Amino acid sequence: MWSRQKITNPEEIVEMEDSPGPVKNIIKARKIRLNAKDQRQYLVRLKDKTSDKDKWLAEDSIPDGKLHLQRFRALRRTEQSHQ
């Protein structure tokens, strides 16, 4: 399930110019409206970091994004099938 949020605080939007570091896992997803376009972002936990350092990132900003998104989506499907 996607959460849809309207971002009013520009500080909530994370644009990564450099790699944020190695990813531990993706925690959840949201869809935001930015500049009149829908954008998906993922809450990412980095290796060796605590939850207060989690970041909302666009798919193309996640290191090894395809691999982590496959795991995230598979886990979500498993969780939904057990409800």
PDB file of N, CA and C in Angstrom:
ATOM      1  N   MET A   1       0.833  -1.168   0.000  1.00  0.00           N
ATOM      2  CA  MET A   1       0.000   0.000   0.000  1.00  0.00           C
ATOM      3  C   MET A   1       0.885   1.241   0.000  1.00  0.00           C
ATOM      4  N   TRP A   2       0.542   2.175  -0.845  1.00  0.00           N
ATOM      5  CA  TRP A   2       1.285   3.430  -0.931  1.00  0.00           C
ATOM      6  C   TRP A   2       0.644   4.455  -0.026  1.00  0.00           C
ATOM      7  N   SER A   3       1.464   5.254   0.588  1.00  0.00           N
ATOM      8  CA  SER A   3       0.914   6.412   1.279  1.00  0.00           C
ATOM      9  C   SER A   3       1.113   7.605   0.357  1.00  0.00           C
ATOM     10  N   ARG A   4       0.101   8.416   0.245  1.00  0.00           N
ATOM     11  CA  ARG A   4       0.186   9.596  -0.626  1.00  0.00           C
ATOM     12  C   ARG A   4       0.227  10.823   0.263  1.00  0.00           C
ATOM     13  N   GLN A   5       1.245  11.636   0.075  1.00  0.00           N
ATOM     14  CA  GLN A   5       1.431  12.793   0.933  1.00  0.00           C
ATOM     15  C   GLN A   5       1.718  14.014   0.084  1.00  0.00           C
ATOM     16  N   LYS A   6       1.178  15.141   0.523  1.00  0.00           N
ATOM     17  CA  LYS A   6       1.536  16.407  -0.108  1.00  0.00           C
ATOM     18  C   LYS A   6       2.654  17.009   0.721  1.00  0.00           C
ATOM     19  N   ILE A   7       3.767  17.255   0.101  1.00  0.00           N
ATOM     20  CA  ILE A   7       4.931  17.781   0.803  1.00  0.00           C
ATOM     21  C   ILE A   7       4.828  19.298   0.854  1.00  0.00           C
ATOM     22  N   THR A   8       4.790  19.831   2.051  1.00  0.00           N
ATOM     23  CA  THR A   8       4.725  21.278   2.215  1.00  0.00           C
ATOM     24  C   THR A   8       6.043  21.838   2.709  1.00  0.00           C
ATOM     25  N   ASN A   9       6.860  20.994   3.295  1.00  0.00           N
ATOM     26  CA  ASN A   9       8.149  21.421   3.813  1.00  0.00           C
ATOM     27  C   ASN A   9       9.239  20.949   2.853  1.00  0.00           C
ATOM     28  N   PRO A  10       9.898  21.876   2.144  1.00  0.00           N
ATOM     29  CA  PRO A  10      10.927  21.455   1.180  1.00  0.00           C
ATOM     30  C   PRO A  10      12.066  20.663   1.805  1.00  0.00           C
ATOM     31  N   GLU A  11      12.274  20.779   3.107  1.00  0.00           N
ATOM     32  CA  GLU A  11      13.347  20.028   3.758  1.00  0.00           C
ATOM     33  C   GLU A  11      13.053  18.538   3.790  1.00  0.00           C
ATOM     34  N   GLU A  12      11.782  18.148   3.601  1.00  0.00           N
ATOM     35  CA  GLU A  12      11.430  16.732   3.588  1.00  0.00           C
ATOM     36  C   GLU A  12      11.865  16.055   2.294  1.00  0.00           C
ATOM     37  N   ILE A  13      12.122  16.833   1.268  1.00  0.00           N
ATOM     38  CA  ILE A  13      12.498  16.283  -0.026  1.00  0.00           C
ATOM     39  C   ILE A  13      14.003  16.086  -0.053  1.00  0.00           C
ATOM     40  N   VAL A  14      14.411  14.864  -0.310  1.00  0.00           N
ATOM     41  CA  VAL A  14      15.834  14.545  -0.312  1.00  0.00           C
ATOM     42  C   VAL A  14      16.280  14.325  -1.743  1.00  0.00           C
ATOM     43  N   GLU A  15      17.229  15.098  -2.159  1.00  0.00           N
ATOM     44  CA  GLU A  15      17.845  14.890  -3.462  1.00  0.00           C
ATOM     45  C   GLU A  15      19.314  14.600  -3.209  1.00  0.00           C
ATOM     46  N   MET A  16      19.739  13.422  -3.596  1.00  0.00           N
ATOM     47  CA  MET A  16      21.096  13.004  -3.295  1.00  0.00           C
ATOM     48  C   MET A  16      21.985  13.243  -4.509  1.00  0.00           C
ATOM     49  N   GLU A  17      23.006  14.068  -4.335  1.00  0.00           N
ATOM     50  CA  GLU A  17      23.988  14.251  -5.392  1.00  0.00           C
ATOM     51  C   GLU A  17      25.067  13.180  -5.274  1.00  0.00           C
ATOM     52  N   ASP A  18      25.422  12.850  -4.049  1.00  0.00           N
ATOM     53  CA  ASP A  18      26.402  11.806  -3.789  1.00  0.00           C
ATOM     54  C   ASP A  18      25.669  10.582  -3.268  1.00  0.00           C
ATOM     55  N   SER A  19      26.318   9.449  -3.341  1.00  0.00           N
ATOM     56  CA  SER A  19      25.728   8.227  -2.821  1.00  0.00           C
ATOM     57  C   SER A  19      25.518   8.361  -1.316  1.00  0.00           C
ATOM     58  N   PRO A  20      24.316   7.991  -0.824  1.00  0.00           N
ATOM     59  CA  PRO A  20      24.057   8.108   0.607  1.00  0.00           C
ATOM     60  C   PRO A  20      24.803   7.074   1.439  1.00  0.00           C
ATOM     61  N   GLY A  21      25.361   6.047   0.815  1.00  0.00           N
ATOM     62  CA  GLY A  21      26.063   4.999   1.531  1.00  0.00           C
ATOM     63  C   GLY A  21      25.377   3.668   1.319  1.00  0.00           C
ATOM     64  N   PRO A  22      25.949   2.596   1.868  1.00  0.00           N
ATOM     65  CA  PRO A  22      25.363   1.268   1.681  1.00  0.00           C
ATOM     66  C   PRO A  22      23.999   1.161   2.365  1.00  0.00           C
ATOM     67  N   VAL A  23      23.067   0.535   1.679  1.00  0.00           N
ATOM     68  CA  VAL A  23      21.694   0.411   2.151  1.00  0.00           C
ATOM     69  C   VAL A  23      21.526  -0.879   2.938  1.00  0.00           C
ATOM     70  N   LYS A  24      20.871  -0.793   4.087  1.00  0.00           N
ATOM     71  CA  LYS A  24      20.518  -1.982   4.861  1.00  0.00           C
ATOM     72  C   LYS A  24      19.196  -2.535   4.338  1.00  0.00           C
ATOM     73  N   ASN A  25      18.163  -1.688   4.275  1.00  0.00           N
ATOM     74  CA  ASN A  25      16.882  -2.110   3.722  1.00  0.00           C
ATOM     75  C   ASN A  25      15.982  -0.909   3.449  1.00  0.00           C
ATOM     76  N   ILE A  26      14.903  -1.187   2.731  1.00  0.00           N
ATOM     77  CA  ILE A  26      13.871  -0.191   2.476  1.00  0.00           C
ATOM     78  C   ILE A  26      12.732  -0.484   3.434  1.00  0.00           C
ATOM     79  N   ILE A  27      12.275   0.540   4.125  1.00  0.00           N
ATOM     80  CA  ILE A  27      11.288   0.369   5.181  1.00  0.00           C
ATOM     81  C   ILE A  27       9.864   0.562   4.677  1.00  0.00           C
ATOM     82  N   LYS A  28       9.620   1.638   3.933  1.00  0.00           N
ATOM     83  CA  LYS A  28       8.291   1.861   3.375  1.00  0.00           C
ATOM     84  C   LYS A  28       8.367   2.793   2.186  1.00  0.00           C
ATOM     85  N   ALA A  29       7.214   2.968   1.538  1.00  0.00           N
ATOM     86  CA  ALA A  29       7.141   3.769   0.320  1.00  0.00           C
ATOM     87  C   ALA A  29       6.065   4.831   0.475  1.00  0.00           C
ATOM     88  N   ARG A  30       6.219   5.888  -0.300  1.00  0.00           N
ATOM     89  CA  ARG A  30       5.193   6.925  -0.348  1.00  0.00           C
ATOM     90  C   ARG A  30       5.177   7.516  -1.754  1.00  0.00           C
ATOM     91  N   LYS A  31       4.043   8.096  -2.080  1.00  0.00           N
ATOM     92  CA  LYS A  31       3.913   8.803  -3.343  1.00  0.00           C
ATOM     93  C   LYS A  31       3.653  10.253  -2.986  1.00  0.00           C
ATOM     94  N   ILE A  32       4.459  11.151  -3.538  1.00  0.00           N
ATOM     95  CA  ILE A  32       4.290  12.572  -3.257  1.00  0.00           C
ATOM     96  C   ILE A  32       4.013  13.314  -4.555  1.00  0.00           C
ATOM     97  N   ARG A  33       3.467  14.490  -4.419  1.00  0.00           N
ATOM     98  CA  ARG A  33       3.236  15.362  -5.573  1.00  0.00           C
ATOM     99  C   ARG A  33       4.271  16.466  -5.507  1.00  0.00           C
ATOM    100  N   LEU A  34       5.112  16.539  -6.515  1.00  0.00           N
ATOM    101  CA  LEU A  34       6.204  17.498  -6.548  1.00  0.00           C
ATOM    102  C   LEU A  34       6.236  18.145  -7.926  1.00  0.00           C
ATOM    103  N   ASN A  35       6.097  19.453  -7.953  1.00  0.00           N
ATOM    104  CA  ASN A  35       6.078  20.190  -9.227  1.00  0.00           C
ATOM    105  C   ASN A  35       5.028  19.628 -10.182  1.00  0.00           C
ATOM    106  N   ALA A  36       3.833  19.385  -9.665  1.00  0.00           N
ATOM    107  CA  ALA A  36       2.684  18.898 -10.440  1.00  0.00           C
ATOM    108  C   ALA A  36       2.897  17.498 -11.018  1.00  0.00           C
ATOM    109  N   LYS A  37       3.831  16.736 -10.461  1.00  0.00           N
ATOM    110  CA  LYS A  37       4.069  15.355 -10.898  1.00  0.00           C
ATOM    111  C   LYS A  37       4.109  14.445  -9.682  1.00  0.00           C
ATOM    112  N   ASP A  38       3.559  13.242  -9.851  1.00  0.00           N
ATOM    113  CA  ASP A  38       3.662  12.243  -8.793  1.00  0.00           C
ATOM    114  C   ASP A  38       5.060  11.652  -8.802  1.00  0.00           C
ATOM    115  N   GLN A  39       5.593  11.449  -7.617  1.00  0.00           N
ATOM    116  CA  GLN A  39       6.930  10.864  -7.486  1.00  0.00           C
ATOM    117  C   GLN A  39       6.886   9.838  -6.360  1.00  0.00           C
ATOM    118  N   ARG A  40       7.487   8.679  -6.594  1.00  0.00           N
ATOM    119  CA  ARG A  40       7.592   7.658  -5.552  1.00  0.00           C
ATOM    120  C   ARG A  40       8.909   7.829  -4.827  1.00  0.00           C
ATOM    121  N   GLN A  41       8.828   7.722  -3.519  1.00  0.00           N
ATOM    122  CA  GLN A  41      10.026   7.769  -2.695  1.00  0.00           C
ATOM    123  C   GLN A  41       9.978   6.606  -1.718  1.00  0.00           C
ATOM    124  N   TYR A  42      11.156   6.220  -1.263  1.00  0.00           N
ATOM    125  CA  TYR A  42      11.289   5.078  -0.373  1.00  0.00           C
ATOM    126  C   TYR A  42      12.074   5.496   0.858  1.00  0.00           C
ATOM    127  N   LEU A  43      11.590   5.061   2.024  1.00  0.00           N
ATOM    128  CA  LEU A  43      12.298   5.330   3.270  1.00  0.00           C
ATOM    129  C   LEU A  43      13.387   4.271   3.408  1.00  0.00           C
ATOM    130  N   VAL A  44      14.624   4.728   3.402  1.00  0.00           N
ATOM    131  CA  VAL A  44      15.787   3.842   3.338  1.00  0.00           C
ATOM    132  C   VAL A  44      16.566   3.911   4.642  1.00  0.00           C
ATOM    133  N   ARG A  45      16.895   2.728   5.171  1.00  0.00           N
ATOM    134  CA  ARG A  45      17.789   2.650   6.326  1.00  0.00           C
ATOM    135  C   ARG A  45      19.165   2.265   5.812  1.00  0.00           C
ATOM    136  N   LEU A  46      20.154   3.041   6.194  1.00  0.00           N
ATOM    137  CA  LEU A  46      21.528   2.791   5.769  1.00  0.00           C
ATOM    138  C   LEU A  46      22.224   1.862   6.750  1.00  0.00           C
ATOM    139  N   LYS A  47      23.178   1.099   6.256  1.00  0.00           N
ATOM    140  CA  LYS A  47      23.945   0.197   7.121  1.00  0.00           C
ATOM    141  C   LYS A  47      24.672   1.000   8.181  1.00  0.00           C
ATOM    142  N   ASP A  48      24.728   0.440   9.370  1.00  0.00           N
ATOM    143  CA  ASP A  48      25.435   1.034  10.509  1.00  0.00           C
ATOM    144  C   ASP A  48      24.857   2.381  10.929  1.00  0.00           C
ATOM    145  N   LYS A  49      23.581   2.647  10.596  1.00  0.00           N
ATOM    146  CA  LYS A  49      22.925   3.891  11.004  1.00  0.00           C
ATOM    147  C   LYS A  49      21.663   3.550  11.789  1.00  0.00           C
ATOM    148  N   THR A  50      21.246   4.468  12.629  1.00  0.00           N
ATOM    149  CA  THR A  50      20.029   4.276  13.418  1.00  0.00           C
ATOM    150  C   THR A  50      18.827   4.842  12.667  1.00  0.00           C
ATOM    151  N   SER A  51      17.636   4.569  13.184  1.00  0.00           N
ATOM    152  CA  SER A  51      16.410   4.972  12.500  1.00  0.00           C
ATOM    153  C   SER A  51      16.275   6.486  12.354  1.00  0.00           C
ATOM    154  N   ASP A  52      16.910   7.252  13.220  1.00  0.00           N
ATOM    155  CA  ASP A  52      16.818   8.711  13.086  1.00  0.00           C
ATOM    156  C   ASP A  52      17.601   9.223  11.878  1.00  0.00           C
ATOM    157  N   LYS A  53      18.376   8.364  11.253  1.00  0.00           N
ATOM    158  CA  LYS A  53      19.138   8.736  10.052  1.00  0.00           C
ATOM    159  C   LYS A  53      18.483   8.212   8.770  1.00  0.00           C
ATOM    160  N   ASP A  54      17.289   7.600   8.880  1.00  0.00           N
ATOM    161  CA  ASP A  54      16.576   7.119   7.696  1.00  0.00           C
ATOM    162  C   ASP A  54      16.294   8.288   6.760  1.00  0.00           C
ATOM    163  N   LYS A  55      16.315   8.014   5.459  1.00  0.00           N
ATOM    164  CA  LYS A  55      16.135   9.054   4.440  1.00  0.00           C
ATOM    165  C   LYS A  55      15.078   8.636   3.426  1.00  0.00           C
ATOM    166  N   TRP A  56      14.270   9.598   2.986  1.00  0.00           N
ATOM    167  CA  TRP A  56      13.358   9.385   1.867  1.00  0.00           C
ATOM    168  C   TRP A  56      14.138   9.643   0.587  1.00  0.00           C
ATOM    169  N   LEU A  57      14.221   8.627  -0.272  1.00  0.00           N
ATOM    170  CA  LEU A  57      14.980   8.736  -1.516  1.00  0.00           C
ATOM    171  C   LEU A  57      14.132   8.310  -2.705  1.00  0.00           C
ATOM    172  N   ALA A  58      14.382   8.926  -3.840  1.00  0.00           N
ATOM    173  CA  ALA A  58      13.791   8.471  -5.091  1.00  0.00           C
ATOM    174  C   ALA A  58      14.492   7.176  -5.505  1.00  0.00           C
ATOM    175  N   GLU A  59      13.812   6.377  -6.308  1.00  0.00           N
ATOM    176  CA  GLU A  59      14.364   5.078  -6.715  1.00  0.00           C
ATOM    177  C   GLU A  59      15.749   5.205  -7.329  1.00  0.00           C
ATOM    178  N   ASP A  60      15.950   6.206  -8.169  1.00  0.00           N
ATOM    179  CA  ASP A  60      17.241   6.331  -8.842  1.00  0.00           C
ATOM    180  C   ASP A  60      18.348   6.861  -7.937  1.00  0.00           C
ATOM    181  N   SER A  61      18.008   7.232  -6.709  1.00  0.00           N
ATOM    182  CA  SER A  61      19.015   7.695  -5.748  1.00  0.00           C
ATOM    183  C   SER A  61      19.450   6.607  -4.777  1.00  0.00           C
ATOM    184  N   ILE A  62      18.827   5.430  -4.863  1.00  0.00           N
ATOM    185  CA  ILE A  62      19.135   4.336  -3.943  1.00  0.00           C
ATOM    186  C   ILE A  62      20.260   3.489  -4.534  1.00  0.00           C
ATOM    187  N   PRO A  63      21.396   3.383  -3.829  1.00  0.00           N
ATOM    188  CA  PRO A  63      22.465   2.509  -4.328  1.00  0.00           C
ATOM    189  C   PRO A  63      21.961   1.067  -4.433  1.00  0.00           C
ATOM    190  N   ASP A  64      22.224   0.414  -5.551  1.00  0.00           N
ATOM    191  CA  ASP A  64      21.709  -0.939  -5.816  1.00  0.00           C
ATOM    192  C   ASP A  64      20.192  -0.973  -5.664  1.00  0.00           C
ATOM    193  N   GLY A  65      19.542   0.065  -6.156  1.00  0.00           N
ATOM    194  CA  GLY A  65      18.102   0.245  -5.979  1.00  0.00           C
ATOM    195  C   GLY A  65      17.267  -0.915  -6.468  1.00  0.00           C
ATOM    196  N   LYS A  66      17.593  -1.475  -7.635  1.00  0.00           N
ATOM    197  CA  LYS A  66      16.786  -2.571  -8.174  1.00  0.00           C
ATOM    198  C   LYS A  66      16.761  -3.762  -7.223  1.00  0.00           C
ATOM    199  N   LEU A  67      17.905  -4.129  -6.705  1.00  0.00           N
ATOM    200  CA  LEU A  67      17.995  -5.262  -5.785  1.00  0.00           C
ATOM    201  C   LEU A  67      17.179  -5.003  -4.518  1.00  0.00           C
ATOM    202  N   HIS A  68      17.359  -3.843  -3.916  1.00  0.00           N
ATOM    203  CA  HIS A  68      16.656  -3.528  -2.671  1.00  0.00           C
ATOM    204  C   HIS A  68      15.149  -3.394  -2.890  1.00  0.00           C
ATOM    205  N   LEU A  69      14.743  -2.848  -4.034  1.00  0.00           N
ATOM    206  CA  LEU A  69      13.315  -2.729  -4.321  1.00  0.00           C
ATOM    207  C   LEU A  69      12.684  -4.092  -4.571  1.00  0.00           C
ATOM    208  N   GLN A  70      13.404  -5.006  -5.200  1.00  0.00           N
ATOM    209  CA  GLN A  70      12.880  -6.363  -5.383  1.00  0.00           C
ATOM    210  C   GLN A  70      12.621  -7.013  -4.032  1.00  0.00           C
ATOM    211  N   ARG A  71      13.574  -6.880  -3.119  1.00  0.00           N
ATOM    212  CA  ARG A  71      13.408  -7.450  -1.776  1.00  0.00           C
ATOM    213  C   ARG A  71      12.241  -6.799  -1.044  1.00  0.00           C
ATOM    214  N   PHE A  72      12.154  -5.477  -1.127  1.00  0.00           N
ATOM    215  CA  PHE A  72      11.090  -4.733  -0.460  1.00  0.00           C
ATOM    216  C   PHE A  72       9.718  -5.162  -0.982  1.00  0.00           C
ATOM    217  N   ARG A  73       9.577  -5.236  -2.288  1.00  0.00           N
ATOM    218  CA  ARG A  73       8.287  -5.612  -2.877  1.00  0.00           C
ATOM    219  C   ARG A  73       7.922  -7.056  -2.558  1.00  0.00           C
ATOM    220  N   ALA A  74       8.897  -7.953  -2.562  1.00  0.00           N
ATOM    221  CA  ALA A  74       8.638  -9.354  -2.216  1.00  0.00           C
ATOM    222  C   ALA A  74       8.188  -9.467  -0.763  1.00  0.00           C
ATOM    223  N   LEU A  75       8.824  -8.737   0.122  1.00  0.00           N
ATOM    224  CA  LEU A  75       8.445  -8.748   1.535  1.00  0.00           C
ATOM    225  C   LEU A  75       7.035  -8.204   1.722  1.00  0.00           C
ATOM    226  N   ARG A  76       6.694  -7.143   1.016  1.00  0.00           N
ATOM    227  CA  ARG A  76       5.341  -6.574   1.108  1.00  0.00           C
ATOM    228  C   ARG A  76       4.298  -7.560   0.616  1.00  0.00           C
ATOM    229  N   ARG A  77       4.588  -8.264  -0.493  1.00  0.00           N
ATOM    230  CA  ARG A  77       3.641  -9.264  -0.999  1.00  0.00           C
ATOM    231  C   ARG A  77       3.441 -10.368   0.026  1.00  0.00           C
ATOM    232  N   THR A  78       4.522 -10.811   0.655  1.00  0.00           N
ATOM    233  CA  THR A  78       4.443 -11.860   1.673  1.00  0.00           C
ATOM    234  C   THR A  78       3.608 -11.393   2.858  1.00  0.00           C
ATOM    235  N   GLU A  79       3.844 -10.167   3.313  1.00  0.00           N
ATOM    236  CA  GLU A  79       3.091  -9.625   4.446  1.00  0.00           C
ATOM    237  C   GLU A  79       1.612  -9.496   4.108  1.00  0.00           C
ATOM    238  N   GLN A  80       1.285  -9.062   2.898  1.00  0.00           N
ATOM    239  CA  GLN A  80      -0.107  -8.887   2.498  1.00  0.00           C
ATOM    240  C   GLN A  80      -0.817 -10.224   2.360  1.00  0.00           C
ATOM    241  N   SER A  81      -0.112 -11.260   1.949  1.00  0.00           N
ATOM    242  CA  SER A  81      -0.745 -12.568   1.792  1.00  0.00           C
ATOM    243  C   SER A  81      -1.023 -13.235   3.137  1.00  0.00           C
ATOM    244  N   HIS A  82      -0.357 -12.791   4.197  1.00  0.00           N
ATOM    245  CA  HIS A  82      -0.570 -13.354   5.527  1.00  0.00           C
ATOM    246  C   HIS A  82      -1.583 -12.576   6.352  1.00  0.00           C
ATOM    247  N   GLN A  83      -2.190 -11.572   5.772  1.00  0.00           N
ATOM    248  CA  GLN A  83      -3.176 -10.776   6.525  1.00  0.00           C
ATOM    249  C   GLN A  83      -4.545 -11.348   6.405  1.00  0.00           C
TER     250      GLN A  83
END
